[in-house]
Amino acid sequence: MMTPYHIQRAKIVSPLAPATERLSKAVQFDYMGSSEFEFGALPKSFRRLQKNKDAWRVRRVATISDGTTDSFLRVFSALSDDEFVEYEAFLYKLRNGSFGSVQLKERSEFSLEERAPPAPILPVPGRRRRKVVNPYVRVYADFWWDIDTDVMFSFHKIFMNRLSDYVTASLGYMDTLVT
């Protein structure tokens, strides 16, 4: 199995899209900033998934939780059991490893280190304290798509249970464009 390098970030649309919708209507894809994520990279991953439709599975990874609600990671793929064991080890390292321990083309927003709150600004002795206003609220990805190994993952249980329907609807839409 190839080492994952291109992981597309996305935010799940709330309220959840009906199961008959395409994946592009169910999530908001983040702009990744690298050409490797453009020029048909996602459709190519869809087509590889389509070839392995009989092997699609959603697996629960009990060693990786979201940390807030104790919702466990769910992984959608067509990986074999042996490949999945290897991929699960990659996900654990991506989630819990120190910065730089897993090299990706772009940031994933999956690691605990990336999601940690920023360090507080400490007052400087002898200086007057200024009120710090931060109007920017960070919205992190909650859905990831490894476009190298055609694996999708999230902590959102209901969404992940609908994911095969979203992928099927997307493939159906792509098939209508080809004919």
N, C-alpha and C. Protein backbone atom coordinates (compact mmCIF):
# COMPACT_ATOMS: atom_id res chain seq x y z
N MET A 1 0.85 -1.17 0.00
CA MET A 1 0.00 0.00 0.00
C MET A 1 0.90 1.24 0.00
N MET A 2 0.51 2.23 -0.80
CA MET A 2 1.32 3.46 -0.87
C MET A 2 1.12 4.30 0.38
N THR A 3 2.13 5.06 0.72
CA THR A 3 2.04 5.94 1.89
C THR A 3 1.17 7.13 1.56
N PRO A 4 0.14 7.40 2.35
CA PRO A 4 -0.73 8.54 2.09
C PRO A 4 0.05 9.87 2.14
N TYR A 5 -0.24 10.74 1.20
CA TYR A 5 0.43 12.02 1.11
C TYR A 5 -0.54 13.16 0.81
N HIS A 6 -1.63 12.84 0.09
CA HIS A 6 -2.61 13.85 -0.31
C HIS A 6 -3.93 13.58 0.41
N ILE A 7 -4.20 14.33 1.47
CA ILE A 7 -5.44 14.16 2.22
C ILE A 7 -6.26 15.43 2.08
N GLN A 8 -7.41 15.28 1.43
CA GLN A 8 -8.33 16.40 1.20
C GLN A 8 -9.13 16.65 2.47
N ARG A 9 -9.15 17.91 2.93
CA ARG A 9 -9.95 18.28 4.09
C ARG A 9 -11.33 18.74 3.64
N ALA A 10 -12.32 18.53 4.52
CA ALA A 10 -13.67 19.01 4.23
C ALA A 10 -14.43 19.21 5.54
N LYS A 11 -15.50 19.96 5.44
CA LYS A 11 -16.40 20.20 6.57
C LYS A 11 -17.75 19.60 6.21
N ILE A 12 -18.31 18.80 7.09
CA ILE A 12 -19.62 18.18 6.85
C ILE A 12 -20.69 19.26 6.96
N VAL A 13 -21.58 19.29 5.98
CA VAL A 13 -22.67 20.27 5.95
C VAL A 13 -23.68 19.91 7.03
N SER A 14 -24.14 20.93 7.74
CA SER A 14 -25.15 20.72 8.78
C SER A 14 -26.35 21.60 8.48
N PRO A 15 -27.56 21.09 8.51
CA PRO A 15 -27.92 19.69 8.79
C PRO A 15 -27.43 18.77 7.67
N LEU A 16 -27.34 17.50 7.99
CA LEU A 16 -26.83 16.53 7.03
C LEU A 16 -27.67 16.51 5.76
N ALA A 17 -26.98 16.35 4.65
CA ALA A 17 -27.66 16.22 3.37
C ALA A 17 -28.38 14.88 3.32
N PRO A 18 -29.49 14.80 2.58
CA PRO A 18 -30.16 13.50 2.42
C PRO A 18 -29.20 12.49 1.78
N ALA A 19 -29.41 11.22 2.06
CA ALA A 19 -28.53 10.17 1.56
C ALA A 19 -28.53 10.07 0.04
N THR A 20 -29.50 10.68 -0.63
CA THR A 20 -29.56 10.63 -2.09
C THR A 20 -28.68 11.69 -2.75
N GLU A 21 -28.10 12.58 -1.96
CA GLU A 21 -27.26 13.65 -2.51
C GLU A 21 -25.85 13.14 -2.83
N ARG A 22 -25.17 13.90 -3.69
CA ARG A 22 -23.77 13.60 -4.00
C ARG A 22 -22.89 14.07 -2.84
N LEU A 23 -21.69 13.53 -2.77
CA LEU A 23 -20.77 13.90 -1.71
C LEU A 23 -20.47 15.40 -1.75
N SER A 24 -20.40 15.97 -2.94
CA SER A 24 -20.10 17.40 -3.05
C SER A 24 -21.19 18.28 -2.47
N LYS A 25 -22.39 17.74 -2.26
CA LYS A 25 -23.47 18.47 -1.61
C LYS A 25 -23.51 18.19 -0.11
N ALA A 26 -22.84 17.14 0.32
CA ALA A 26 -22.85 16.73 1.72
C ALA A 26 -21.69 17.31 2.52
N VAL A 27 -20.63 17.75 1.82
CA VAL A 27 -19.48 18.36 2.49
C VAL A 27 -19.05 19.61 1.74
N GLN A 28 -18.34 20.47 2.44
CA GLN A 28 -17.70 21.62 1.82
C GLN A 28 -16.22 21.32 1.78
N PHE A 29 -15.68 21.11 0.58
CA PHE A 29 -14.27 20.81 0.44
C PHE A 29 -13.44 22.07 0.67
N ASP A 30 -12.36 21.90 1.39
CA ASP A 30 -11.44 23.00 1.65
C ASP A 30 -10.53 23.15 0.44
N TYR A 31 -10.17 24.39 0.12
CA TYR A 31 -9.20 24.62 -0.95
C TYR A 31 -7.83 24.21 -0.41
N MET A 32 -7.19 23.29 -1.09
CA MET A 32 -5.96 22.72 -0.57
C MET A 32 -4.71 23.49 -0.99
N GLY A 33 -4.76 24.26 -2.06
CA GLY A 33 -3.64 25.09 -2.45
C GLY A 33 -2.57 24.41 -3.27
N SER A 34 -2.73 23.14 -3.59
CA SER A 34 -1.74 22.41 -4.41
C SER A 34 -2.44 21.80 -5.61
N SER A 35 -1.75 21.83 -6.73
CA SER A 35 -2.37 21.33 -7.97
C SER A 35 -2.67 19.84 -7.93
N GLU A 36 -2.00 19.10 -7.04
CA GLU A 36 -2.25 17.66 -6.95
C GLU A 36 -3.68 17.35 -6.53
N PHE A 37 -4.34 18.31 -5.91
CA PHE A 37 -5.73 18.11 -5.48
C PHE A 37 -6.72 18.55 -6.56
N GLU A 38 -6.20 19.08 -7.65
CA GLU A 38 -7.05 19.56 -8.73
C GLU A 38 -6.88 18.66 -9.95
N PHE A 39 -7.41 19.09 -11.05
CA PHE A 39 -7.25 18.39 -12.33
C PHE A 39 -7.72 16.94 -12.28
N GLY A 40 -8.88 16.72 -11.66
CA GLY A 40 -9.50 15.41 -11.68
C GLY A 40 -9.02 14.44 -10.63
N ALA A 41 -8.34 14.89 -9.60
CA ALA A 41 -7.83 13.98 -8.58
C ALA A 41 -8.96 13.29 -7.82
N LEU A 42 -10.00 14.04 -7.45
CA LEU A 42 -11.12 13.44 -6.71
C LEU A 42 -11.91 12.48 -7.59
N PRO A 43 -12.25 12.85 -8.84
CA PRO A 43 -12.94 11.87 -9.70
C PRO A 43 -12.14 10.59 -9.94
N LYS A 44 -10.83 10.71 -10.03
CA LYS A 44 -10.00 9.51 -10.21
C LYS A 44 -10.12 8.60 -8.99
N SER A 45 -10.13 9.19 -7.81
CA SER A 45 -10.29 8.40 -6.60
C SER A 45 -11.68 7.74 -6.58
N PHE A 46 -12.70 8.51 -6.98
CA PHE A 46 -14.06 7.94 -7.07
C PHE A 46 -14.07 6.73 -8.00
N ARG A 47 -13.44 6.85 -9.15
CA ARG A 47 -13.45 5.74 -10.13
C ARG A 47 -12.73 4.51 -9.59
N ARG A 48 -11.65 4.72 -8.86
CA ARG A 48 -10.98 3.56 -8.26
C ARG A 48 -11.89 2.89 -7.22
N LEU A 49 -12.60 3.71 -6.45
CA LEU A 49 -13.56 3.16 -5.49
C LEU A 49 -14.66 2.39 -6.22
N GLN A 50 -15.10 2.93 -7.35
CA GLN A 50 -16.17 2.29 -8.11
C GLN A 50 -15.77 0.88 -8.55
N LYS A 51 -14.51 0.71 -8.92
CA LYS A 51 -14.02 -0.61 -9.35
C LYS A 51 -14.04 -1.62 -8.22
N ASN A 52 -14.02 -1.14 -6.98
CA ASN A 52 -13.97 -2.04 -5.81
C ASN A 52 -15.22 -1.94 -4.96
N LYS A 53 -16.35 -1.64 -5.56
CA LYS A 53 -17.57 -1.38 -4.81
C LYS A 53 -17.95 -2.55 -3.88
N ASP A 54 -17.71 -3.77 -4.32
CA ASP A 54 -18.07 -4.93 -3.50
C ASP A 54 -17.27 -5.01 -2.20
N ALA A 55 -16.14 -4.31 -2.14
CA ALA A 55 -15.29 -4.36 -0.95
C ALA A 55 -15.50 -3.17 -0.01
N TRP A 56 -16.40 -2.26 -0.34
CA TRP A 56 -16.63 -1.08 0.50
C TRP A 56 -17.04 -1.50 1.90
N ARG A 57 -16.44 -0.85 2.89
CA ARG A 57 -16.79 -1.08 4.29
C ARG A 57 -16.57 0.17 5.09
N VAL A 58 -17.34 0.34 6.13
CA VAL A 58 -17.07 1.38 7.12
C VAL A 58 -16.62 0.64 8.37
N ARG A 59 -15.41 0.96 8.80
CA ARG A 59 -14.84 0.32 9.98
C ARG A 59 -14.68 1.36 11.09
N ARG A 60 -14.87 0.92 12.30
CA ARG A 60 -14.71 1.77 13.48
C ARG A 60 -13.31 1.54 14.04
N VAL A 61 -12.61 2.63 14.33
CA VAL A 61 -11.26 2.54 14.90
C VAL A 61 -11.36 2.91 16.37
N ALA A 62 -11.35 1.92 17.23
CA ALA A 62 -11.56 2.14 18.66
C ALA A 62 -10.38 2.80 19.35
N THR A 63 -9.23 2.87 18.69
CA THR A 63 -8.05 3.48 19.32
C THR A 63 -7.96 4.98 19.05
N ILE A 64 -8.88 5.52 18.24
CA ILE A 64 -8.85 6.95 17.91
C ILE A 64 -10.22 7.55 18.16
N SER A 65 -10.30 8.45 19.15
CA SER A 65 -11.57 9.13 19.42
C SER A 65 -11.41 10.62 19.16
N ASP A 66 -12.54 11.32 19.08
CA ASP A 66 -12.47 12.75 18.79
C ASP A 66 -12.03 13.56 20.00
N GLY A 67 -12.03 12.96 21.17
CA GLY A 67 -11.52 13.63 22.35
C GLY A 67 -12.54 14.47 23.10
N THR A 68 -13.67 14.77 22.48
CA THR A 68 -14.67 15.59 23.17
C THR A 68 -15.92 14.80 23.51
N THR A 69 -16.42 14.07 22.55
CA THR A 69 -17.65 13.30 22.79
C THR A 69 -17.39 11.80 22.85
N ASP A 70 -16.13 11.43 22.79
CA ASP A 70 -15.75 10.02 22.74
C ASP A 70 -16.37 9.28 21.57
N SER A 71 -16.57 9.99 20.47
CA SER A 71 -17.00 9.38 19.23
C SER A 71 -15.75 8.82 18.55
N PHE A 72 -15.82 7.58 18.14
CA PHE A 72 -14.65 6.94 17.55
C PHE A 72 -14.58 7.20 16.05
N LEU A 73 -13.37 7.16 15.52
CA LEU A 73 -13.13 7.37 14.10
C LEU A 73 -13.77 6.25 13.30
N ARG A 74 -14.37 6.62 12.20
CA ARG A 74 -14.93 5.65 11.26
C ARG A 74 -14.25 5.86 9.93
N VAL A 75 -13.91 4.75 9.28
CA VAL A 75 -13.13 4.78 8.05
C VAL A 75 -13.88 4.03 6.96
N PHE A 76 -14.10 4.71 5.83
CA PHE A 76 -14.75 4.13 4.66
C PHE A 76 -13.67 3.82 3.64
N SER A 77 -13.63 2.57 3.19
CA SER A 77 -12.61 2.19 2.20
C SER A 77 -12.98 0.86 1.57
N ALA A 78 -12.15 0.48 0.61
CA ALA A 78 -12.23 -0.85 0.00
C ALA A 78 -10.96 -1.63 0.33
N LEU A 79 -10.28 -1.25 1.39
CA LEU A 79 -9.04 -1.91 1.78
C LEU A 79 -9.31 -3.32 2.30
N SER A 80 -8.35 -4.20 2.06
CA SER A 80 -8.43 -5.54 2.63
C SER A 80 -8.15 -5.43 4.13
N ASP A 81 -8.38 -6.51 4.85
CA ASP A 81 -8.13 -6.50 6.30
C ASP A 81 -6.67 -6.20 6.61
N ASP A 82 -5.74 -6.81 5.87
CA ASP A 82 -4.32 -6.58 6.10
C ASP A 82 -3.94 -5.13 5.79
N GLU A 83 -4.44 -4.60 4.69
CA GLU A 83 -4.17 -3.21 4.33
C GLU A 83 -4.75 -2.26 5.38
N PHE A 84 -5.92 -2.61 5.90
CA PHE A 84 -6.55 -1.75 6.88
C PHE A 84 -5.74 -1.68 8.18
N VAL A 85 -5.16 -2.78 8.60
CA VAL A 85 -4.32 -2.79 9.80
C VAL A 85 -3.16 -1.81 9.62
N GLU A 86 -2.56 -1.84 8.44
CA GLU A 86 -1.46 -0.92 8.13
C GLU A 86 -1.97 0.53 8.09
N TYR A 87 -3.12 0.74 7.51
CA TYR A 87 -3.68 2.10 7.40
C TYR A 87 -4.08 2.63 8.78
N GLU A 88 -4.60 1.76 9.61
CA GLU A 88 -4.99 2.16 10.96
C GLU A 88 -3.77 2.67 11.74
N ALA A 89 -2.63 2.03 11.54
CA ALA A 89 -1.39 2.48 12.20
C ALA A 89 -1.00 3.86 11.68
N PHE A 90 -1.17 4.10 10.39
CA PHE A 90 -0.90 5.43 9.83
C PHE A 90 -1.82 6.47 10.46
N LEU A 91 -3.12 6.17 10.56
CA LEU A 91 -4.07 7.11 11.14
C LEU A 91 -3.73 7.43 12.59
N TYR A 92 -3.33 6.43 13.34
CA TYR A 92 -2.97 6.64 14.74
C TYR A 92 -1.77 7.58 14.83
N LYS A 93 -0.78 7.36 13.99
CA LYS A 93 0.40 8.21 13.98
C LYS A 93 0.04 9.62 13.53
N LEU A 94 -0.82 9.75 12.52
CA LEU A 94 -1.26 11.06 12.04
C LEU A 94 -2.00 11.82 13.14
N ARG A 95 -2.81 11.12 13.92
CA ARG A 95 -3.61 11.75 14.97
C ARG A 95 -2.76 12.12 16.19
N ASN A 96 -1.89 11.21 16.60
CA ASN A 96 -1.19 11.36 17.88
C ASN A 96 0.29 11.70 17.77
N GLY A 97 0.86 11.64 16.59
CA GLY A 97 2.28 11.90 16.44
C GLY A 97 2.62 13.37 16.61
N SER A 98 3.88 13.63 16.85
CA SER A 98 4.34 15.02 16.99
C SER A 98 4.42 15.65 15.60
N PHE A 99 4.44 16.97 15.58
CA PHE A 99 4.47 17.71 14.33
C PHE A 99 5.65 17.25 13.47
N GLY A 100 5.36 16.93 12.23
CA GLY A 100 6.39 16.49 11.30
C GLY A 100 6.63 15.00 11.28
N SER A 101 5.99 14.25 12.19
CA SER A 101 6.21 12.80 12.19
C SER A 101 5.53 12.12 11.01
N VAL A 102 4.52 12.78 10.45
CA VAL A 102 3.86 12.30 9.24
C VAL A 102 3.91 13.43 8.22
N GLN A 103 4.51 13.16 7.08
CA GLN A 103 4.64 14.17 6.04
C GLN A 103 3.46 14.07 5.07
N LEU A 104 2.73 15.19 4.93
CA LEU A 104 1.64 15.30 3.98
C LEU A 104 1.90 16.50 3.08
N LYS A 105 1.25 16.53 1.94
CA LYS A 105 1.41 17.66 1.02
C LYS A 105 0.88 18.95 1.65
N GLU A 106 -0.26 18.89 2.32
CA GLU A 106 -0.88 20.04 2.98
C GLU A 106 -1.26 19.64 4.40
N ARG A 107 -1.58 20.62 5.24
CA ARG A 107 -1.98 20.30 6.61
C ARG A 107 -3.28 19.50 6.59
N SER A 108 -3.45 18.64 7.57
CA SER A 108 -4.64 17.78 7.60
C SER A 108 -5.72 18.29 8.55
N GLU A 109 -5.32 18.99 9.59
CA GLU A 109 -6.23 19.37 10.67
C GLU A 109 -6.80 18.15 11.38
N PHE A 110 -6.10 17.04 11.29
CA PHE A 110 -6.53 15.81 11.94
C PHE A 110 -5.73 15.55 13.21
N SER A 111 -4.49 16.00 13.25
CA SER A 111 -3.65 15.69 14.41
C SER A 111 -4.10 16.49 15.63
N LEU A 112 -3.91 15.91 16.78
CA LEU A 112 -4.26 16.59 18.03
C LEU A 112 -3.44 17.86 18.20
N GLU A 113 -2.20 17.83 17.74
CA GLU A 113 -1.34 19.00 17.86
C GLU A 113 -1.88 20.18 17.03
N GLU A 114 -2.37 19.89 15.83
CA GLU A 114 -2.94 20.95 14.98
C GLU A 114 -4.22 21.53 15.58
N ARG A 115 -4.95 20.72 16.28
CA ARG A 115 -6.24 21.13 16.81
C ARG A 115 -6.16 21.73 18.21
N ALA A 116 -4.97 21.74 18.79
CA ALA A 116 -4.79 22.28 20.14
C ALA A 116 -5.03 23.79 20.13
N PRO A 117 -5.62 24.31 21.20
CA PRO A 117 -5.82 25.77 21.25
C PRO A 117 -4.48 26.48 21.26
N PRO A 118 -4.43 27.70 20.72
CA PRO A 118 -3.15 28.42 20.70
C PRO A 118 -2.68 28.73 22.11
N ALA A 119 -1.39 28.87 22.25
CA ALA A 119 -0.80 29.20 23.56
C ALA A 119 -1.28 30.59 23.98
N PRO A 120 -1.55 30.76 25.26
CA PRO A 120 -2.01 32.08 25.72
C PRO A 120 -0.90 33.12 25.58
N ILE A 121 -1.32 34.36 25.37
CA ILE A 121 -0.36 35.46 25.29
C ILE A 121 -0.07 35.89 26.73
N LEU A 122 1.18 35.76 27.12
CA LEU A 122 1.56 36.08 28.49
C LEU A 122 1.87 37.57 28.61
N PRO A 123 1.45 38.17 29.73
CA PRO A 123 1.72 39.60 29.91
C PRO A 123 3.21 39.85 30.10
N VAL A 124 3.67 41.00 29.62
CA VAL A 124 5.06 41.40 29.79
C VAL A 124 5.13 42.26 31.05
N PRO A 125 5.99 41.89 32.01
CA PRO A 125 6.09 42.67 33.25
C PRO A 125 6.42 44.14 32.95
N GLY A 126 5.72 45.05 33.63
CA GLY A 126 5.97 46.46 33.47
C GLY A 126 5.21 47.11 32.33
N ARG A 127 4.50 46.33 31.55
CA ARG A 127 3.72 46.90 30.44
C ARG A 127 2.24 46.79 30.77
N ARG A 128 1.53 47.77 30.26
CA ARG A 128 0.09 47.77 30.45
C ARG A 128 -0.52 46.64 29.59
N ARG A 129 -1.46 45.94 30.13
CA ARG A 129 -2.11 44.83 29.43
C ARG A 129 -3.13 45.40 28.44
N ARG A 130 -3.02 44.95 27.20
CA ARG A 130 -3.99 45.35 26.19
C ARG A 130 -5.06 44.27 26.08
N LYS A 131 -6.25 44.70 25.75
CA LYS A 131 -7.33 43.75 25.52
C LYS A 131 -7.08 43.09 24.16
N VAL A 132 -7.03 41.78 24.16
CA VAL A 132 -6.79 41.04 22.92
C VAL A 132 -8.14 40.64 22.34
N VAL A 133 -8.38 41.10 21.13
CA VAL A 133 -9.62 40.77 20.44
C VAL A 133 -9.28 39.86 19.28
N ASN A 134 -9.88 38.71 19.26
CA ASN A 134 -9.65 37.78 18.17
C ASN A 134 -10.99 37.43 17.55
N PRO A 135 -11.39 38.15 16.51
CA PRO A 135 -12.69 37.88 15.90
C PRO A 135 -12.70 36.61 15.05
N TYR A 136 -11.54 36.05 14.79
CA TYR A 136 -11.43 34.88 13.94
C TYR A 136 -11.71 33.61 14.74
N VAL A 137 -12.70 32.89 14.33
CA VAL A 137 -13.03 31.62 14.96
C VAL A 137 -12.63 30.52 13.98
N ARG A 138 -11.79 29.65 14.42
CA ARG A 138 -11.28 28.59 13.55
C ARG A 138 -12.29 27.46 13.42
N VAL A 139 -12.62 27.09 12.19
CA VAL A 139 -13.49 25.96 11.91
C VAL A 139 -12.62 24.88 11.30
N TYR A 140 -12.47 23.81 12.03
CA TYR A 140 -11.61 22.72 11.57
C TYR A 140 -12.37 21.72 10.71
N ALA A 141 -11.62 21.02 9.87
CA ALA A 141 -12.18 19.94 9.07
C ALA A 141 -12.72 18.85 9.99
N ASP A 142 -13.78 18.18 9.54
CA ASP A 142 -14.29 17.03 10.29
C ASP A 142 -14.53 15.83 9.37
N PHE A 143 -14.02 15.95 8.13
CA PHE A 143 -14.08 14.86 7.16
C PHE A 143 -12.81 14.91 6.34
N TRP A 144 -12.20 13.74 6.11
CA TRP A 144 -10.95 13.67 5.38
C TRP A 144 -11.04 12.60 4.31
N TRP A 145 -10.40 12.87 3.16
CA TRP A 145 -10.40 11.94 2.04
C TRP A 145 -8.97 11.78 1.56
N ASP A 146 -8.42 10.61 1.79
CA ASP A 146 -7.09 10.28 1.32
C ASP A 146 -7.22 9.89 -0.15
N ILE A 147 -6.84 10.79 -1.04
CA ILE A 147 -7.07 10.55 -2.47
C ILE A 147 -5.99 9.66 -3.08
N ASP A 148 -4.97 9.30 -2.32
CA ASP A 148 -3.97 8.36 -2.81
C ASP A 148 -4.44 6.91 -2.63
N THR A 149 -5.03 6.63 -1.48
CA THR A 149 -5.46 5.26 -1.18
C THR A 149 -6.98 5.11 -1.17
N ASP A 150 -7.70 6.18 -1.55
CA ASP A 150 -9.16 6.14 -1.68
C ASP A 150 -9.85 5.76 -0.37
N VAL A 151 -9.42 6.43 0.69
CA VAL A 151 -9.96 6.19 2.02
C VAL A 151 -10.57 7.49 2.53
N MET A 152 -11.76 7.40 3.12
CA MET A 152 -12.43 8.56 3.70
C MET A 152 -12.67 8.28 5.17
N PHE A 153 -12.53 9.33 6.01
CA PHE A 153 -12.72 9.10 7.44
C PHE A 153 -13.26 10.32 8.15
N SER A 154 -13.98 10.05 9.25
CA SER A 154 -14.59 11.09 10.06
C SER A 154 -15.00 10.48 11.40
N PHE A 155 -15.27 11.37 12.36
CA PHE A 155 -15.80 10.95 13.65
C PHE A 155 -17.33 10.99 13.67
N HIS A 156 -17.94 11.52 12.64
CA HIS A 156 -19.38 11.72 12.59
C HIS A 156 -20.08 10.41 12.18
N LYS A 157 -20.64 9.71 13.15
CA LYS A 157 -21.21 8.37 12.94
C LYS A 157 -22.33 8.36 11.91
N ILE A 158 -23.30 9.25 12.03
CA ILE A 158 -24.45 9.24 11.11
C ILE A 158 -23.99 9.56 9.68
N PHE A 159 -23.12 10.56 9.56
CA PHE A 159 -22.60 10.90 8.24
C PHE A 159 -21.88 9.70 7.62
N MET A 160 -21.04 9.06 8.39
CA MET A 160 -20.27 7.92 7.86
C MET A 160 -21.18 6.76 7.48
N ASN A 161 -22.31 6.60 8.18
CA ASN A 161 -23.26 5.56 7.80
C ASN A 161 -23.94 5.87 6.47
N ARG A 162 -23.99 7.15 6.09
CA ARG A 162 -24.58 7.56 4.81
C ARG A 162 -23.55 7.68 3.69
N LEU A 163 -22.29 7.59 4.03
CA LEU A 163 -21.24 7.89 3.06
C LEU A 163 -21.30 7.02 1.81
N SER A 164 -21.57 5.74 1.94
CA SER A 164 -21.64 4.90 0.74
C SER A 164 -22.76 5.36 -0.18
N ASP A 165 -23.85 5.88 0.38
CA ASP A 165 -24.93 6.43 -0.45
C ASP A 165 -24.47 7.69 -1.17
N TYR A 166 -23.75 8.57 -0.47
CA TYR A 166 -23.22 9.78 -1.11
C TYR A 166 -22.25 9.43 -2.25
N VAL A 167 -21.39 8.46 -2.01
CA VAL A 167 -20.43 8.04 -3.03
C VAL A 167 -21.16 7.42 -4.22
N THR A 168 -22.16 6.59 -3.95
CA THR A 168 -22.94 5.97 -5.02
C THR A 168 -23.65 7.03 -5.86
N ALA A 169 -24.25 8.03 -5.20
CA ALA A 169 -24.92 9.11 -5.92
C ALA A 169 -23.92 9.91 -6.75
N SER A 170 -22.74 10.13 -6.22
CA SER A 170 -21.70 10.85 -6.96
C SER A 170 -21.26 10.07 -8.20
N LEU A 171 -21.08 8.78 -8.03
CA LEU A 171 -20.69 7.94 -9.17
C LEU A 171 -21.80 7.90 -10.22
N GLY A 172 -23.05 7.84 -9.78
CA GLY A 172 -24.17 7.87 -10.72
C GLY A 172 -24.19 9.16 -11.51
N TYR A 173 -23.95 10.26 -10.85
CA TYR A 173 -23.90 11.56 -11.51
C TYR A 173 -22.75 11.60 -12.50
N MET A 174 -21.58 11.10 -12.10
CA MET A 174 -20.42 11.07 -13.01
C MET A 174 -20.71 10.21 -14.23
N ASP A 175 -21.42 9.10 -14.04
CA ASP A 175 -21.76 8.22 -15.17
C ASP A 175 -22.68 8.91 -16.16
N THR A 176 -23.57 9.78 -15.69
CA THR A 176 -24.47 10.48 -16.62
C THR A 176 -23.70 11.51 -17.45
N LEU A 177 -22.60 12.02 -16.92
CA LEU A 177 -21.80 13.00 -17.66
C LEU A 177 -20.98 12.35 -18.75
N VAL A 178 -20.64 11.08 -18.58
CA VAL A 178 -19.80 10.37 -19.53
C VAL A 178 -20.59 9.92 -20.74
N THR A 179 -21.82 9.49 -20.54
CA THR A 179 -22.60 8.94 -21.64
C THR A 179 -23.25 9.99 -22.48
